[in-house]
Amino acid sequence: MSEITRHRGCRQVLATIKQPIETSQSRAVLAVNAELLNQPTVAEIKIELAQGNGGIPSND
């Protein structure tokens, strides 16, 4: 255990600092996952390319 974490007050301060950081990290992961789910799949892109749309999804 490092010198700073041996002191109860320091541990509490570190825990207080870590909580919003971990919350922000979780929110960032969820945002990235949501964005990835909105992206076309490789199969969808291949279909669009085969249809001659240049890989751009149609609005059908």
Protein backbone atom coordinates (compact mmCIF):
# COMPACT_ATOMS: atom_id res chain seq x y z
CA MET A 1 0.00 0.00 0.00
CA SER A 2 1.42 3.39 -0.91
CA GLU A 3 2.15 6.03 1.68
CA ILE A 4 -0.80 8.20 0.65
CA THR A 5 -3.40 5.44 0.91
CA ARG A 6 -2.36 4.54 4.47
CA HIS A 7 -4.04 7.67 5.79
CA ARG A 8 -7.80 7.42 6.24
CA GLY A 9 -8.42 11.02 5.15
CA CYS A 10 -6.45 10.54 1.96
CA ARG A 11 -8.36 7.37 1.14
CA GLN A 12 -11.64 9.23 1.51
CA VAL A 13 -10.44 12.06 -0.72
CA LEU A 14 -9.25 9.59 -3.34
CA ALA A 15 -12.58 7.72 -3.21
CA THR A 16 -14.42 11.01 -3.63
CA ILE A 17 -12.29 11.91 -6.65
CA LYS A 18 -12.59 8.45 -8.21
CA GLN A 19 -16.38 8.29 -8.13
CA PRO A 20 -17.10 11.05 -10.71
CA ILE A 21 -14.26 9.79 -12.88
CA GLU A 22 -15.69 6.27 -12.92
CA THR A 23 -19.18 7.66 -13.61
CA SER A 24 -17.83 9.67 -16.54
CA GLN A 25 -16.01 6.64 -17.90
CA SER A 26 -19.20 4.58 -17.74
CA ARG A 27 -21.17 7.30 -19.51
CA ALA A 28 -18.51 7.53 -22.22
CA VAL A 29 -18.61 3.76 -22.78
CA LEU A 30 -22.40 3.81 -23.05
CA ALA A 31 -22.29 6.73 -25.51
CA VAL A 32 -19.71 4.98 -27.71
CA ASN A 33 -21.71 1.74 -27.65
CA ALA A 34 -24.91 3.59 -28.61
CA GLU A 35 -23.11 5.27 -31.50
CA LEU A 36 -21.66 1.99 -32.70
CA LEU A 37 -25.11 0.39 -32.68
CA ASN A 38 -26.33 3.14 -35.04
CA GLN A 39 -23.62 2.40 -37.62
CA PRO A 40 -24.35 0.19 -40.62
CA THR A 41 -22.99 -3.32 -40.47
CA VAL A 42 -20.48 -4.70 -42.96
CA ALA A 43 -23.26 -6.79 -44.50
CA GLU A 44 -25.45 -3.70 -44.97
CA ILE A 45 -22.59 -1.79 -46.59
CA LYS A 46 -21.90 -4.71 -48.95
CA ILE A 47 -25.57 -4.76 -49.99
CA GLU A 48 -25.54 -1.02 -50.65
CA LEU A 49 -22.32 -1.36 -52.67
CA ALA A 50 -23.83 -4.22 -54.69
CA GLN A 51 -26.86 -2.04 -55.43
CA GLY A 52 -24.58 0.68 -56.78
CA ASN A 53 -25.19 3.22 -54.03
CA GLY A 54 -21.52 3.65 -53.18
CA GLY A 55 -22.03 2.28 -49.69
CA ILE A 56 -24.44 5.04 -48.75
CA PRO A 57 -27.59 3.62 -47.17
CA SER A 58 -30.75 4.49 -49.01
CA ASN A 59 -33.70 6.07 -47.25
CA ASP A 60 -36.05 3.22 -48.12
